[in-house]
Amino acid sequence: PLVDGTADSKPLALAQIRSRLQRVDNLVALGETEGAFLTLWSLLEAVLRRRAEEVQLPLERLDTSTLINHLYSQGELSIEQFDVVMELRDIRNAAAHGFATPNLPAALPKLRNLVAELIHYWWPD
């Protein structure tokens, strides 16, 4: 399955991802955990899609689950990273579809750390 978007859609640039990551920290400081979590999830998807593009996997427009599975099977995600993504995906789905997410506050730092870890690992400064 493909995600919505135009044929010329591109993942966010790394500078945009880093800038939005800083804005997420502002949301967290304001107590906006759900908004911060969903924004972080969009950044995670941008990071994964950018990586797929860089390693020339034709995955940019595939749905997120397929993208995650392919990146893991290609060795781009460790088993630990894959497990965290799968755990957090369920929380993201609940939040995005209007269900109660009592475990979201505890999941927020895990997602923040994962996004930062992937950025640092794939694009060290």
Protein backbone atom coordinates (compact mmCIF):
# COMPACT_ATOMS: atom_id res chain seq x y z
CA PRO A 1 0.00 0.00 0.00
CA LEU A 2 1.06 3.54 -0.76
CA VAL A 3 0.77 6.59 1.43
CA ASP A 4 -1.07 9.65 0.22
CA GLY A 5 0.95 12.33 -1.44
CA THR A 6 1.97 13.50 -4.84
CA ALA A 7 4.42 11.68 -7.03
CA ASP A 8 7.03 14.36 -6.34
CA SER A 9 6.66 14.26 -2.54
CA LYS A 10 9.99 14.13 -0.74
CA PRO A 11 10.80 13.49 2.91
CA LEU A 12 11.63 16.51 5.03
CA ALA A 13 15.19 17.77 4.77
CA LEU A 14 17.44 16.93 7.70
CA ALA A 15 17.54 20.59 8.78
CA GLN A 16 13.73 20.66 8.84
CA ILE A 17 13.65 17.47 10.92
CA ARG A 18 16.13 18.88 13.43
CA SER A 19 14.21 22.17 13.67
CA ARG A 20 10.91 20.40 14.26
CA LEU A 21 12.54 18.16 16.85
CA GLN A 22 13.40 21.29 18.85
CA ARG A 23 9.80 22.50 18.53
CA VAL A 24 8.61 19.16 19.95
CA ASP A 25 10.60 19.91 23.08
CA ASN A 26 8.59 23.13 23.40
CA LEU A 27 5.33 21.17 23.17
CA VAL A 28 6.54 18.80 25.88
CA ALA A 29 7.42 21.76 28.11
CA LEU A 30 3.86 23.05 27.64
CA GLY A 31 2.42 19.67 28.63
CA GLU A 32 1.11 18.95 25.12
CA THR A 33 2.12 15.29 25.19
CA GLU A 34 -0.28 14.03 22.53
CA GLY A 35 0.68 16.77 20.08
CA ALA A 36 4.35 16.18 20.83
CA PHE A 37 3.99 12.43 20.34
CA LEU A 38 2.17 12.70 17.02
CA THR A 39 4.65 15.29 15.77
CA LEU A 40 7.53 13.04 16.81
CA TRP A 41 5.93 10.14 14.97
CA SER A 42 5.77 12.23 11.79
CA LEU A 43 9.46 13.04 12.27
CA LEU A 44 10.24 9.35 12.73
CA GLU A 45 8.52 8.61 9.44
CA ALA A 46 10.46 11.42 7.74
CA VAL A 47 13.74 10.02 9.11
CA LEU A 48 12.88 6.50 7.95
CA ARG A 49 11.81 7.68 4.49
CA ARG A 50 14.92 9.84 4.11
CA ARG A 51 17.10 6.85 5.04
CA ALA A 52 15.29 4.58 2.59
CA GLU A 53 15.91 7.15 -0.13
CA GLU A 54 19.61 7.44 0.74
CA VAL A 55 20.23 3.70 0.66
CA GLN A 56 18.25 3.49 -2.58
CA LEU A 57 15.38 1.39 -1.31
CA PRO A 58 12.27 2.28 -3.35
CA LEU A 59 10.16 2.69 -0.21
CA GLU A 60 9.49 6.40 0.09
CA ARG A 61 5.77 6.14 -0.66
CA LEU A 62 5.01 2.81 1.00
CA ASP A 63 2.91 2.69 4.14
CA THR A 64 4.80 3.01 7.40
CA SER A 65 4.55 -0.63 8.49
CA THR A 66 5.97 -1.86 5.19
CA LEU A 67 8.71 0.78 5.35
CA ILE A 68 9.68 -0.26 8.89
CA ASN A 69 9.75 -3.95 7.98
CA HIS A 70 11.89 -3.36 4.89
CA LEU A 71 14.37 -1.15 6.72
CA TYR A 72 14.70 -3.78 9.43
CA SER A 73 15.13 -6.63 6.93
CA GLN A 74 17.82 -4.59 5.13
CA GLY A 75 19.76 -4.11 8.38
CA GLU A 76 19.06 -0.37 8.62
CA LEU A 77 17.23 -0.81 11.96
CA SER A 78 18.56 -2.95 14.80
CA ILE A 79 16.26 -5.48 16.47
CA GLU A 80 16.07 -3.16 19.49
CA GLN A 81 15.08 -0.19 17.33
CA PHE A 82 12.56 -2.31 15.44
CA ASP A 83 10.97 -3.51 18.69
CA VAL A 84 10.66 0.06 20.01
CA VAL A 85 9.12 1.26 16.74
CA MET A 86 6.56 -1.56 16.77
CA GLU A 87 5.63 -0.86 20.39
CA LEU A 88 5.28 2.86 19.72
CA ARG A 89 3.32 2.28 16.51
CA ASP A 90 0.44 0.82 18.49
CA ILE A 91 0.37 3.89 20.76
CA ARG A 92 0.54 6.18 17.72
CA ASN A 93 -2.36 4.36 16.09
CA ALA A 94 -4.49 4.67 19.22
CA ALA A 95 -3.73 8.39 19.61
CA ALA A 96 -4.21 9.18 15.92
CA HIS A 97 -7.55 7.39 15.77
CA GLY A 98 -9.10 8.95 18.86
CA PHE A 99 -8.59 6.24 21.46
CA ALA A 100 -7.42 6.75 25.03
CA THR A 101 -3.65 6.48 25.40
CA PRO A 102 -2.79 6.32 29.11
CA ASN A 103 0.70 4.98 28.26
CA LEU A 104 1.49 7.92 25.95
CA PRO A 105 3.37 10.04 28.55
CA ALA A 106 5.76 7.16 29.27
CA ALA A 107 6.16 6.44 25.54
CA LEU A 108 6.99 10.04 24.62
CA PRO A 109 10.62 10.01 25.80
CA LYS A 110 11.16 6.62 24.12
CA LEU A 111 10.03 8.05 20.80
CA ARG A 112 12.06 11.24 21.30
CA ASN A 113 15.16 9.18 22.07
CA LEU A 114 14.62 6.88 19.08
CA VAL A 115 14.28 9.77 16.63
CA ALA A 116 17.39 11.46 18.06
CA GLU A 117 19.31 8.16 18.02
CA LEU A 118 18.50 7.47 14.37
CA ILE A 119 19.44 11.01 13.33
CA HIS A 120 22.74 10.75 15.19
CA TYR A 121 23.49 7.26 13.83
CA TRP A 122 22.63 7.93 10.20
CA TRP A 123 23.76 11.57 9.96
CA PRO A 124 26.43 12.28 12.57
CA ASP A 125 27.64 15.87 12.57
